[in-house]
Structures are given as C-alpha cells and as structure tokens.
ModelCIF file with pLDDT and N, C-alpha, C, O atoms, coordinates in Angstrom:
data_MODEL
#
_entry.id   MODEL 
#
_entity.id                         1 
_entity.type                       polymer 
_entity.pdbx_number_of_molecules   1 
#
_entity_poly.entity_id                      1 
_entity_poly.type                           'polypeptide(L)' 
_entity_poly.nstd_linkage                   no 
_entity_poly.nstd_monomer                   no 
_entity_poly.pdbx_seq_one_letter_code       LGPIIFMVGYFFSSNSLAWAGLILFGLTALFALVTLPVELNATSRAKS 
_entity_poly.pdbx_seq_one_letter_code_can   LGPIIFMVGYFFSSNSLAWAGLILFGLTALFALVTLPVELNATSRAKS 
_entity_poly.pdbx_strand_id                 A 
#
loop_
_entity_poly_seq.entity_id 
_entity_poly_seq.num 
_entity_poly_seq.mon_id 
_entity_poly_seq.hetero 
1 1  LEU n 
1 2  GLY n 
1 3  PRO n 
1 4  ILE n 
1 5  ILE n 
1 6  PHE n 
1 7  MET n 
1 8  VAL n 
1 9  GLY n 
1 10 TYR n 
1 11 PHE n 
1 12 PHE n 
1 13 SER n 
1 14 SER n 
1 15 ASN n 
1 16 SER n 
1 17 LEU n 
1 18 ALA n 
1 19 TRP n 
1 20 ALA n 
1 21 GLY n 
1 22 LEU n 
1 23 ILE n 
1 24 LEU n 
1 25 PHE n 
1 26 GLY n 
1 27 LEU n 
1 28 THR n 
1 29 ALA n 
1 30 LEU n 
1 31 PHE n 
1 32 ALA n 
1 33 LEU n 
1 34 VAL n 
1 35 THR n 
1 36 LEU n 
1 37 PRO n 
1 38 VAL n 
1 39 GLU n 
1 40 LEU n 
1 41 ASN n 
1 42 ALA n 
1 43 THR n 
1 44 SER n 
1 45 ARG n 
1 46 ALA n 
1 47 LYS n 
1 48 SER n 
#
_struct_asym.id          A 
_struct_asym.entity_id   1 
#
loop_
_ma_qa_metric.id 
_ma_qa_metric.mode 
_ma_qa_metric.name 
_ma_qa_metric.software_group_id 
_ma_qa_metric.type 
1 global pLDDT . pLDDT 
2 local  pLDDT . pLDDT 
#
_ma_qa_metric_global.metric_id      1 
_ma_qa_metric_global.metric_value   94.21 
_ma_qa_metric_global.model_id       1 
_ma_qa_metric_global.ordinal_id     1 
#
loop_
_ma_qa_metric_local.label_asym_id 
_ma_qa_metric_local.label_comp_id 
_ma_qa_metric_local.label_seq_id 
_ma_qa_metric_local.metric_id 
_ma_qa_metric_local.metric_value 
_ma_qa_metric_local.model_id 
_ma_qa_metric_local.ordinal_id 
A LEU 1  2 93.00 1 1  
A GLY 2  2 93.00 1 2  
A PRO 3  2 92.00 1 3  
A ILE 4  2 94.00 1 4  
A ILE 5  2 95.00 1 5  
A PHE 6  2 93.00 1 6  
A MET 7  2 91.00 1 7  
A VAL 8  2 94.00 1 8  
A GLY 9  2 93.00 1 9  
A TYR 10 2 89.00 1 10 
A PHE 11 2 89.00 1 11 
A PHE 12 2 89.00 1 12 
A SER 13 2 87.00 1 13 
A SER 14 2 91.00 1 14 
A ASN 15 2 89.00 1 15 
A SER 16 2 92.00 1 16 
A LEU 17 2 95.00 1 17 
A ALA 18 2 94.00 1 18 
A TRP 19 2 94.00 1 19 
A ALA 20 2 95.00 1 20 
A GLY 21 2 94.00 1 21 
A LEU 22 2 95.00 1 22 
A ILE 23 2 94.00 1 23 
A LEU 24 2 93.00 1 24 
A PHE 25 2 93.00 1 25 
A GLY 26 2 94.00 1 26 
A LEU 27 2 94.00 1 27 
A THR 28 2 93.00 1 28 
A ALA 29 2 94.00 1 29 
A LEU 30 2 95.00 1 30 
A PHE 31 2 95.00 1 31 
A ALA 32 2 94.00 1 32 
A LEU 33 2 95.00 1 33 
A VAL 34 2 96.00 1 34 
A THR 35 2 96.00 1 35 
A LEU 36 2 96.00 1 36 
A PRO 37 2 97.00 1 37 
A VAL 38 2 97.00 1 38 
A GLU 39 2 97.00 1 39 
A LEU 40 2 97.00 1 40 
A ASN 41 2 98.00 1 41 
A ALA 42 2 98.00 1 42 
A THR 43 2 97.00 1 43 
A SER 44 2 97.00 1 44 
A ARG 45 2 98.00 1 45 
A ALA 46 2 98.00 1 46 
A LYS 47 2 98.00 1 47 
A SER 48 2 97.00 1 48 
#
loop_
_atom_site.group_PDB 
_atom_site.id 
_atom_site.type_symbol 
_atom_site.label_atom_id 
_atom_site.label_alt_id 
_atom_site.label_comp_id 
_atom_site.label_asym_id 
_atom_site.label_entity_id 
_atom_site.label_seq_id 
_atom_site.pdbx_PDB_ins_code 
_atom_site.Cartn_x 
_atom_site.Cartn_y 
_atom_site.Cartn_z 
_atom_site.occupancy 
_atom_site.B_iso_or_equiv 
_atom_site.pdbx_formal_charge 
_atom_site.auth_seq_id 
_atom_site.auth_comp_id 
_atom_site.auth_asym_id 
_atom_site.auth_atom_id 
_atom_site.pdbx_PDB_model_num 
ATOM 1   N N  . LEU A 1 1  ? 0.813  -1.212  0.000   1.00 93.00 ? 1  LEU A N  1 
ATOM 2   C CA . LEU A 1 1  ? 0.000  0.000   0.000   1.00 93.00 ? 1  LEU A CA 1 
ATOM 3   C C  . LEU A 1 1  ? 0.848  1.264   0.000   1.00 93.00 ? 1  LEU A C  1 
ATOM 4   O O  . LEU A 1 1  ? 0.451  2.277   -0.574  1.00 93.00 ? 1  LEU A O  1 
ATOM 5   N N  . GLY A 1 2  ? 2.013  1.212   0.640   1.00 93.00 ? 2  GLY A N  1 
ATOM 6   C CA . GLY A 1 2  ? 2.878  2.380   0.714   1.00 93.00 ? 2  GLY A CA 1 
ATOM 7   C C  . GLY A 1 2  ? 3.264  2.926   -0.652  1.00 93.00 ? 2  GLY A C  1 
ATOM 8   O O  . GLY A 1 2  ? 3.092  4.122   -0.888  1.00 93.00 ? 2  GLY A O  1 
ATOM 9   N N  . PRO A 1 3  ? 3.781  2.096   -1.571  1.00 92.00 ? 3  PRO A N  1 
ATOM 10  C CA . PRO A 1 3  ? 4.139  2.601   -2.907  1.00 92.00 ? 3  PRO A CA 1 
ATOM 11  C C  . PRO A 1 3  ? 2.943  3.161   -3.670  1.00 92.00 ? 3  PRO A C  1 
ATOM 12  O O  . PRO A 1 3  ? 3.082  4.134   -4.412  1.00 92.00 ? 3  PRO A O  1 
ATOM 13  N N  . ILE A 1 4  ? 1.769  2.555   -3.493  1.00 94.00 ? 4  ILE A N  1 
ATOM 14  C CA . ILE A 1 4  ? 0.571  3.054   -4.186  1.00 94.00 ? 4  ILE A CA 1 
ATOM 15  C C  . ILE A 1 4  ? 0.215  4.453   -3.696  1.00 94.00 ? 4  ILE A C  1 
ATOM 16  O O  . ILE A 1 4  ? -0.042 5.359   -4.489  1.00 94.00 ? 4  ILE A O  1 
ATOM 17  N N  . ILE A 1 5  ? 0.205  4.609   -2.376  1.00 95.00 ? 5  ILE A N  1 
ATOM 18  C CA . ILE A 1 5  ? -0.111 5.917   -1.795  1.00 95.00 ? 5  ILE A CA 1 
ATOM 19  C C  . ILE A 1 5  ? 0.921  6.948   -2.223  1.00 95.00 ? 5  ILE A C  1 
ATOM 20  O O  . ILE A 1 5  ? 0.578  8.085   -2.550  1.00 95.00 ? 5  ILE A O  1 
ATOM 21  N N  . PHE A 1 6  ? 2.196  6.541   -2.220  1.00 93.00 ? 6  PHE A N  1 
ATOM 22  C CA . PHE A 1 6  ? 3.245  7.467   -2.615  1.00 93.00 ? 6  PHE A CA 1 
ATOM 23  C C  . PHE A 1 6  ? 3.053  7.930   -4.055  1.00 93.00 ? 6  PHE A C  1 
ATOM 24  O O  . PHE A 1 6  ? 3.103  9.129   -4.331  1.00 93.00 ? 6  PHE A O  1 
ATOM 25  N N  . MET A 1 7  ? 2.836  6.999   -4.969  1.00 91.00 ? 7  MET A N  1 
ATOM 26  C CA . MET A 1 7  ? 2.696  7.347   -6.383  1.00 91.00 ? 7  MET A CA 1 
ATOM 27  C C  . MET A 1 7  ? 1.473  8.218   -6.641  1.00 91.00 ? 7  MET A C  1 
ATOM 28  O O  . MET A 1 7  ? 1.525  9.142   -7.453  1.00 91.00 ? 7  MET A O  1 
ATOM 29  N N  . VAL A 1 8  ? 0.371  7.924   -5.950  1.00 94.00 ? 8  VAL A N  1 
ATOM 30  C CA . VAL A 1 8  ? -0.835 8.749   -6.099  1.00 94.00 ? 8  VAL A CA 1 
ATOM 31  C C  . VAL A 1 8  ? -0.548 10.174  -5.631  1.00 94.00 ? 8  VAL A C  1 
ATOM 32  O O  . VAL A 1 8  ? -0.902 11.147  -6.296  1.00 94.00 ? 8  VAL A O  1 
ATOM 33  N N  . GLY A 1 9  ? 0.104  10.272  -4.467  1.00 93.00 ? 9  GLY A N  1 
ATOM 34  C CA . GLY A 1 9  ? 0.432  11.594  -3.936  1.00 93.00 ? 9  GLY A CA 1 
ATOM 35  C C  . GLY A 1 9  ? 1.430  12.328  -4.801  1.00 93.00 ? 9  GLY A C  1 
ATOM 36  O O  . GLY A 1 9  ? 1.329  13.542  -4.978  1.00 93.00 ? 9  GLY A O  1 
ATOM 37  N N  . TYR A 1 10 ? 2.400  11.597  -5.345  1.00 89.00 ? 10 TYR A N  1 
ATOM 38  C CA . TYR A 1 10 ? 3.445  12.231  -6.157  1.00 89.00 ? 10 TYR A CA 1 
ATOM 39  C C  . TYR A 1 10 ? 2.868  12.756  -7.471  1.00 89.00 ? 10 TYR A C  1 
ATOM 40  O O  . TYR A 1 10 ? 3.117  13.905  -7.837  1.00 89.00 ? 10 TYR A O  1 
ATOM 41  N N  . PHE A 1 11 ? 2.111  11.940  -8.173  1.00 89.00 ? 11 PHE A N  1 
ATOM 42  C CA . PHE A 1 11 ? 1.604  12.331  -9.487  1.00 89.00 ? 11 PHE A CA 1 
ATOM 43  C C  . PHE A 1 11 ? 0.470  13.352  -9.413  1.00 89.00 ? 11 PHE A C  1 
ATOM 44  O O  . PHE A 1 11 ? 0.210  14.070  -10.379 1.00 89.00 ? 11 PHE A O  1 
ATOM 45  N N  . PHE A 1 12 ? -0.205 13.413  -8.256  1.00 89.00 ? 12 PHE A N  1 
ATOM 46  C CA . PHE A 1 12 ? -1.263 14.412  -8.084  1.00 89.00 ? 12 PHE A CA 1 
ATOM 47  C C  . PHE A 1 12 ? -0.788 15.586  -7.226  1.00 89.00 ? 12 PHE A C  1 
ATOM 48  O O  . PHE A 1 12 ? -1.592 16.369  -6.721  1.00 89.00 ? 12 PHE A O  1 
ATOM 49  N N  . SER A 1 13 ? 0.535  15.693  -7.072  1.00 87.00 ? 13 SER A N  1 
ATOM 50  C CA . SER A 1 13 ? 1.171  16.818  -6.379  1.00 87.00 ? 13 SER A CA 1 
ATOM 51  C C  . SER A 1 13 ? 0.649  17.021  -4.958  1.00 87.00 ? 13 SER A C  1 
ATOM 52  O O  . SER A 1 13 ? 0.503  18.151  -4.494  1.00 87.00 ? 13 SER A O  1 
ATOM 53  N N  . SER A 1 14 ? 0.374  15.921  -4.282  1.00 91.00 ? 14 SER A N  1 
ATOM 54  C CA . SER A 1 14 ? -0.034 15.983  -2.880  1.00 91.00 ? 14 SER A CA 1 
ATOM 55  C C  . SER A 1 14 ? 1.135  15.496  -2.033  1.00 91.00 ? 14 SER A C  1 
ATOM 56  O O  . SER A 1 14 ? 1.299  14.299  -1.799  1.00 91.00 ? 14 SER A O  1 
ATOM 57  N N  . ASN A 1 15 ? 1.943  16.450  -1.579  1.00 89.00 ? 15 ASN A N  1 
ATOM 58  C CA . ASN A 1 15 ? 3.137  16.077  -0.817  1.00 89.00 ? 15 ASN A CA 1 
ATOM 59  C C  . ASN A 1 15 ? 2.811  15.328  0.464   1.00 89.00 ? 15 ASN A C  1 
ATOM 60  O O  . ASN A 1 15 ? 3.514  14.390  0.841   1.00 89.00 ? 15 ASN A O  1 
ATOM 61  N N  . SER A 1 16 ? 1.740  15.745  1.131   1.00 92.00 ? 16 SER A N  1 
ATOM 62  C CA . SER A 1 16 ? 1.381  15.091  2.388   1.00 92.00 ? 16 SER A CA 1 
ATOM 63  C C  . SER A 1 16 ? 1.029  13.622  2.153   1.00 92.00 ? 16 SER A C  1 
ATOM 64  O O  . SER A 1 16 ? 1.395  12.760  2.952   1.00 92.00 ? 16 SER A O  1 
ATOM 65  N N  . LEU A 1 17 ? 0.322  13.338  1.061   1.00 95.00 ? 17 LEU A N  1 
ATOM 66  C CA . LEU A 1 17 ? -0.029 11.958  0.739   1.00 95.00 ? 17 LEU A CA 1 
ATOM 67  C C  . LEU A 1 17 ? 1.215  11.167  0.332   1.00 95.00 ? 17 LEU A C  1 
ATOM 68  O O  . LEU A 1 17 ? 1.370  10.002  0.700   1.00 95.00 ? 17 LEU A O  1 
ATOM 69  N N  . ALA A 1 18 ? 2.092  11.811  -0.428  1.00 94.00 ? 18 ALA A N  1 
ATOM 70  C CA . ALA A 1 18 ? 3.327  11.146  -0.843  1.00 94.00 ? 18 ALA A CA 1 
ATOM 71  C C  . ALA A 1 18 ? 4.205  10.812  0.366   1.00 94.00 ? 18 ALA A C  1 
ATOM 72  O O  . ALA A 1 18 ? 4.782  9.727   0.442   1.00 94.00 ? 18 ALA A O  1 
ATOM 73  N N  . TRP A 1 19 ? 4.298  11.748  1.303   1.00 94.00 ? 19 TRP A N  1 
ATOM 74  C CA . TRP A 1 19 ? 5.078  11.494  2.516   1.00 94.00 ? 19 TRP A CA 1 
ATOM 75  C C  . TRP A 1 19 ? 4.474  10.362  3.337   1.00 94.00 ? 19 TRP A C  1 
ATOM 76  O O  . TRP A 1 19 ? 5.192  9.550   3.919   1.00 94.00 ? 19 TRP A O  1 
ATOM 77  N N  . ALA A 1 20 ? 3.149  10.320  3.375   1.00 95.00 ? 20 ALA A N  1 
ATOM 78  C CA . ALA A 1 20 ? 2.475  9.240   4.108   1.00 95.00 ? 20 ALA A CA 1 
ATOM 79  C C  . ALA A 1 20 ? 2.827  7.885   3.493   1.00 95.00 ? 20 ALA A C  1 
ATOM 80  O O  . ALA A 1 20 ? 3.093  6.920   4.209   1.00 95.00 ? 20 ALA A O  1 
ATOM 81  N N  . GLY A 1 21 ? 2.824  7.825   2.159   1.00 94.00 ? 21 GLY A N  1 
ATOM 82  C CA . GLY A 1 21 ? 3.195  6.583   1.479   1.00 94.00 ? 21 GLY A CA 1 
ATOM 83  C C  . GLY A 1 21 ? 4.636  6.213   1.726   1.00 94.00 ? 21 GLY A C  1 
ATOM 84  O O  . GLY A 1 21 ? 4.964  5.042   1.916   1.00 94.00 ? 21 GLY A O  1 
ATOM 85  N N  . LEU A 1 22 ? 5.507  7.226   1.724   1.00 95.00 ? 22 LEU A N  1 
ATOM 86  C CA . LEU A 1 22 ? 6.925  6.985   1.964   1.00 95.00 ? 22 LEU A CA 1 
ATOM 87  C C  . LEU A 1 22 ? 7.150  6.434   3.366   1.00 95.00 ? 22 LEU A C  1 
ATOM 88  O O  . LEU A 1 22 ? 7.905  5.479   3.549   1.00 95.00 ? 22 LEU A O  1 
ATOM 89  N N  . ILE A 1 23 ? 6.501  7.030   4.345   1.00 94.00 ? 23 ILE A N  1 
ATOM 90  C CA . ILE A 1 23 ? 6.647  6.574   5.732   1.00 94.00 ? 23 ILE A CA 1 
ATOM 91  C C  . ILE A 1 23 ? 6.101  5.159   5.883   1.00 94.00 ? 23 ILE A C  1 
ATOM 92  O O  . ILE A 1 23 ? 6.696  4.323   6.562   1.00 94.00 ? 23 ILE A O  1 
ATOM 93  N N  . LEU A 1 24 ? 4.965  4.900   5.244   1.00 93.00 ? 24 LEU A N  1 
ATOM 94  C CA . LEU A 1 24 ? 4.351  3.578   5.327   1.00 93.00 ? 24 LEU A CA 1 
ATOM 95  C C  . LEU A 1 24 ? 5.269  2.516   4.711   1.00 93.00 ? 24 LEU A C  1 
ATOM 96  O O  . LEU A 1 24 ? 5.467  1.443   5.280   1.00 93.00 ? 24 LEU A O  1 
ATOM 97  N N  . PHE A 1 25 ? 5.825  2.839   3.538   1.00 93.00 ? 25 PHE A N  1 
ATOM 98  C CA . PHE A 1 25 ? 6.737  1.885   2.919   1.00 93.00 ? 25 PHE A CA 1 
ATOM 99  C C  . PHE A 1 25 ? 8.047  1.807   3.694   1.00 93.00 ? 25 PHE A C  1 
ATOM 100 O O  . PHE A 1 25 ? 8.716  0.773   3.693   1.00 93.00 ? 25 PHE A O  1 
ATOM 101 N N  . GLY A 1 26 ? 8.413  2.909   4.360   1.00 94.00 ? 26 GLY A N  1 
ATOM 102 C CA . GLY A 1 26 ? 9.641  2.914   5.151   1.00 94.00 ? 26 GLY A CA 1 
ATOM 103 C C  . GLY A 1 26 ? 9.646  1.848   6.230   1.00 94.00 ? 26 GLY A C  1 
ATOM 104 O O  . GLY A 1 26 ? 10.705 1.396   6.665   1.00 94.00 ? 26 GLY A O  1 
ATOM 105 N N  . LEU A 1 27 ? 8.436  1.440   6.666   1.00 94.00 ? 27 LEU A N  1 
ATOM 106 C CA . LEU A 1 27 ? 8.347  0.366   7.651   1.00 94.00 ? 27 LEU A CA 1 
ATOM 107 C C  . LEU A 1 27 ? 8.926  -0.929  7.092   1.00 94.00 ? 27 LEU A C  1 
ATOM 108 O O  . LEU A 1 27 ? 9.459  -1.752  7.835   1.00 94.00 ? 27 LEU A O  1 
ATOM 109 N N  . THR A 1 28 ? 8.815  -1.103  5.775   1.00 93.00 ? 28 THR A N  1 
ATOM 110 C CA . THR A 1 28 ? 9.383  -2.288  5.135   1.00 93.00 ? 28 THR A CA 1 
ATOM 111 C C  . THR A 1 28 ? 10.904 -2.295  5.256   1.00 93.00 ? 28 THR A C  1 
ATOM 112 O O  . THR A 1 28 ? 11.511 -3.331  5.530   1.00 93.00 ? 28 THR A O  1 
ATOM 113 N N  . ALA A 1 29 ? 11.507 -1.135  5.048   1.00 94.00 ? 29 ALA A N  1 
ATOM 114 C CA . ALA A 1 29 ? 12.955 -1.027  5.189   1.00 94.00 ? 29 ALA A CA 1 
ATOM 115 C C  . ALA A 1 29 ? 13.377 -1.247  6.639   1.00 94.00 ? 29 ALA A C  1 
ATOM 116 O O  . ALA A 1 29 ? 14.386 -1.899  6.908   1.00 94.00 ? 29 ALA A O  1 
ATOM 117 N N  . LEU A 1 30 ? 12.593 -0.695  7.575   1.00 95.00 ? 30 LEU A N  1 
ATOM 118 C CA . LEU A 1 30 ? 12.895 -0.893  8.990   1.00 95.00 ? 30 LEU A CA 1 
ATOM 119 C C  . LEU A 1 30 ? 12.780 -2.367  9.353   1.00 95.00 ? 30 LEU A C  1 
ATOM 120 O O  . LEU A 1 30 ? 13.598 -2.893  10.108  1.00 95.00 ? 30 LEU A O  1 
ATOM 121 N N  . PHE A 1 31 ? 11.766 -3.027  8.815   1.00 95.00 ? 31 PHE A N  1 
ATOM 122 C CA . PHE A 1 31 ? 11.567 -4.450  9.059   1.00 95.00 ? 31 PHE A CA 1 
ATOM 123 C C  . PHE A 1 31 ? 12.765 -5.250  8.545   1.00 95.00 ? 31 PHE A C  1 
ATOM 124 O O  . PHE A 1 31 ? 13.235 -6.176  9.207   1.00 95.00 ? 31 PHE A O  1 
ATOM 125 N N  . ALA A 1 32 ? 13.248 -4.884  7.364   1.00 94.00 ? 32 ALA A N  1 
ATOM 126 C CA . ALA A 1 32 ? 14.405 -5.580  6.787   1.00 94.00 ? 32 ALA A CA 1 
ATOM 127 C C  . ALA A 1 32 ? 15.646 -5.373  7.647   1.00 94.00 ? 32 ALA A C  1 
ATOM 128 O O  . ALA A 1 32 ? 16.456 -6.286  7.808   1.00 94.00 ? 32 ALA A O  1 
ATOM 129 N N  . LEU A 1 33 ? 15.790 -4.176  8.196   1.00 95.00 ? 33 LEU A N  1 
ATOM 130 C CA . LEU A 1 33 ? 16.938 -3.899  9.068   1.00 95.00 ? 33 LEU A CA 1 
ATOM 131 C C  . LEU A 1 33 ? 16.844 -4.676  10.373  1.00 95.00 ? 33 LEU A C  1 
ATOM 132 O O  . LEU A 1 33 ? 17.843 -5.205  10.860  1.00 95.00 ? 33 LEU A O  1 
ATOM 133 N N  . VAL A 1 34 ? 15.637 -4.745  10.943  1.00 96.00 ? 34 VAL A N  1 
ATOM 134 C CA . VAL A 1 34 ? 15.438 -5.496  12.184  1.00 96.00 ? 34 VAL A CA 1 
ATOM 135 C C  . VAL A 1 34 ? 15.653 -6.992  11.949  1.00 96.00 ? 34 VAL A C  1 
ATOM 136 O O  . VAL A 1 34 ? 16.113 -7.713  12.834  1.00 96.00 ? 34 VAL A O  1 
ATOM 137 N N  . THR A 1 35 ? 15.311 -7.442  10.741  1.00 96.00 ? 35 THR A N  1 
ATOM 138 C CA . THR A 1 35 ? 15.481 -8.850  10.403  1.00 96.00 ? 35 THR A CA 1 
ATOM 139 C C  . THR A 1 35 ? 16.944 -9.277  10.432  1.00 96.00 ? 35 THR A C  1 
ATOM 140 O O  . THR A 1 35 ? 17.249 -10.424 10.760  1.00 96.00 ? 35 THR A O  1 
ATOM 141 N N  . LEU A 1 36 ? 17.850 -8.362  10.090  1.00 96.00 ? 36 LEU A N  1 
ATOM 142 C CA . LEU A 1 36 ? 19.276 -8.701  10.032  1.00 96.00 ? 36 LEU A CA 1 
ATOM 143 C C  . LEU A 1 36 ? 19.806 -9.277  11.352  1.00 96.00 ? 36 LEU A C  1 
ATOM 144 O O  . LEU A 1 36 ? 20.344 -10.385 11.345  1.00 96.00 ? 36 LEU A O  1 
ATOM 145 N N  . PRO A 1 37 ? 19.677 -8.572  12.482  1.00 97.00 ? 37 PRO A N  1 
ATOM 146 C CA . PRO A 1 37 ? 20.199 -9.165  13.722  1.00 97.00 ? 37 PRO A CA 1 
ATOM 147 C C  . PRO A 1 37 ? 19.469 -10.441 14.115  1.00 97.00 ? 37 PRO A C  1 
ATOM 148 O O  . PRO A 1 37 ? 20.066 -11.330 14.723  1.00 97.00 ? 37 PRO A O  1 
ATOM 149 N N  . VAL A 1 38 ? 18.176 -10.544 13.776  1.00 97.00 ? 38 VAL A N  1 
ATOM 150 C CA . VAL A 1 38 ? 17.422 -11.754 14.097  1.00 97.00 ? 38 VAL A CA 1 
ATOM 151 C C  . VAL A 1 38 ? 18.019 -12.953 13.355  1.00 97.00 ? 38 VAL A C  1 
ATOM 152 O O  . VAL A 1 38 ? 18.265 -14.003 13.949  1.00 97.00 ? 38 VAL A O  1 
ATOM 153 N N  . GLU A 1 39 ? 18.246 -12.784 12.058  1.00 97.00 ? 39 GLU A N  1 
ATOM 154 C CA . GLU A 1 39 ? 18.764 -13.885 11.251  1.00 97.00 ? 39 GLU A CA 1 
ATOM 155 C C  . GLU A 1 39 ? 20.230 -14.189 11.574  1.00 97.00 ? 39 GLU A C  1 
ATOM 156 O O  . GLU A 1 39 ? 20.626 -15.352 11.646  1.00 97.00 ? 39 GLU A O  1 
ATOM 157 N N  . LEU A 1 40 ? 21.017 -13.155 11.766  1.00 97.00 ? 40 LEU A N  1 
ATOM 158 C CA . LEU A 1 40 ? 22.435 -13.370 12.080  1.00 97.00 ? 40 LEU A CA 1 
ATOM 159 C C  . LEU A 1 40 ? 22.598 -14.044 13.438  1.00 97.00 ? 40 LEU A C  1 
ATOM 160 O O  . LEU A 1 40 ? 23.482 -14.880 13.625  1.00 97.00 ? 40 LEU A O  1 
ATOM 161 N N  . ASN A 1 41 ? 21.744 -13.676 14.375  1.00 98.00 ? 41 ASN A N  1 
ATOM 162 C CA . ASN A 1 41 ? 21.795 -14.300 15.696  1.00 98.00 ? 41 ASN A CA 1 
ATOM 163 C C  . ASN A 1 41 ? 21.378 -15.768 15.624  1.00 98.00 ? 41 ASN A C  1 
ATOM 164 O O  . ASN A 1 41 ? 21.980 -16.620 16.278  1.00 98.00 ? 41 ASN A O  1 
ATOM 165 N N  . ALA A 1 42 ? 20.348 -16.061 14.831  1.00 98.00 ? 42 ALA A N  1 
ATOM 166 C CA . ALA A 1 42 ? 19.917 -17.455 14.663  1.00 98.00 ? 42 ALA A CA 1 
ATOM 167 C C  . ALA A 1 42 ? 21.027 -18.283 14.017  1.00 98.00 ? 42 ALA A C  1 
ATOM 168 O O  . ALA A 1 42 ? 21.242 -19.438 14.383  1.00 98.00 ? 42 ALA A O  1 
ATOM 169 N N  . THR A 1 43 ? 21.722 -17.690 13.064  1.00 97.00 ? 43 THR A N  1 
ATOM 170 C CA . THR A 1 43 ? 22.843 -18.370 12.417  1.00 97.00 ? 43 THR A CA 1 
ATOM 171 C C  . THR A 1 43 ? 23.968 -18.623 13.406  1.00 97.00 ? 43 THR A C  1 
ATOM 172 O O  . THR A 1 43 ? 24.563 -19.701 13.418  1.00 97.00 ? 43 THR A O  1 
ATOM 173 N N  . SER A 1 44 ? 24.257 -17.631 14.232  1.00 97.00 ? 44 SER A N  1 
ATOM 174 C CA . SER A 1 44 ? 25.305 -17.772 15.238  1.00 97.00 ? 44 SER A CA 1 
ATOM 175 C C  . SER A 1 44 ? 24.959 -18.881 16.232  1.00 97.00 ? 44 SER A C  1 
ATOM 176 O O  . SER A 1 44 ? 25.823 -19.669 16.615  1.00 97.00 ? 44 SER A O  1 
ATOM 177 N N  . ARG A 1 45 ? 23.701 -18.936 16.643  1.00 98.00 ? 45 ARG A N  1 
ATOM 178 C CA . ARG A 1 45 ? 23.252 -19.982 17.565  1.00 98.00 ? 45 ARG A CA 1 
ATOM 179 C C  . ARG A 1 45 ? 23.398 -21.359 16.914  1.00 98.00 ? 45 ARG A C  1 
ATOM 180 O O  . ARG A 1 45 ? 23.845 -22.314 17.548  1.00 98.00 ? 45 ARG A O  1 
ATOM 181 N N  . ALA A 1 46 ? 23.013 -21.442 15.643  1.00 98.00 ? 46 ALA A N  1 
ATOM 182 C CA . ALA A 1 46 ? 23.090 -22.718 14.925  1.00 98.00 ? 46 ALA A CA 1 
ATOM 183 C C  . ALA A 1 46 ? 24.529 -23.211 14.833  1.00 98.00 ? 46 ALA A C  1 
ATOM 184 O O  . ALA A 1 46 ? 24.816 -24.375 15.114  1.00 98.00 ? 46 ALA A O  1 
ATOM 185 N N  . LYS A 1 47 ? 25.430 -22.317 14.439  1.00 98.00 ? 47 LYS A N  1 
ATOM 186 C CA . LYS A 1 47 ? 26.836 -22.700 14.293  1.00 98.00 ? 47 LYS A CA 1 
ATOM 187 C C  . LYS A 1 47 ? 27.416 -23.146 15.642  1.00 98.00 ? 47 LYS A C  1 
ATOM 188 O O  . LYS A 1 47 ? 28.114 -24.156 15.726  1.00 98.00 ? 47 LYS A O  1 
ATOM 189 N N  . SER A 1 48 ? 27.118 -22.384 16.679  1.00 97.00 ? 48 SER A N  1 
ATOM 190 C CA . SER A 1 48 ? 27.655 -22.691 18.001  1.00 97.00 ? 48 SER A CA 1 
ATOM 191 C C  . SER A 1 48 ? 27.177 -24.058 18.489  1.00 97.00 ? 48 SER A C  1 
ATOM 192 O O  . SER A 1 48 ? 27.534 -24.481 19.589  1.00 97.00 ? 48 SER A O  1 
#
C-alpha cells in the first residue's frame, strides 16, 4: 500500500499523501533492518 499511496500523492502533487506513502513503505525497510540481527543471531546460535 505504501508505494501506491506514494505514487498517487506524487503524481497528483499531494506532498502530504506522498510522505504518508513513503513513511508507510519505510516500515518495510525498517523491518528488513530489524530482520538482520534476528537472522544473524539465529545463524550464530546454529553454528555454536
């Protein structure tokens, strides 16, 4: 939904809507960053 909201806001010159889409999609990037220590820690546990 984030990219859709962003594109609608961007093409219709609604900065507030575009920012909302960007922030919403930004959660995906945050999720990917949080996933890194989770996966690396699981790998470390497995190896040990």
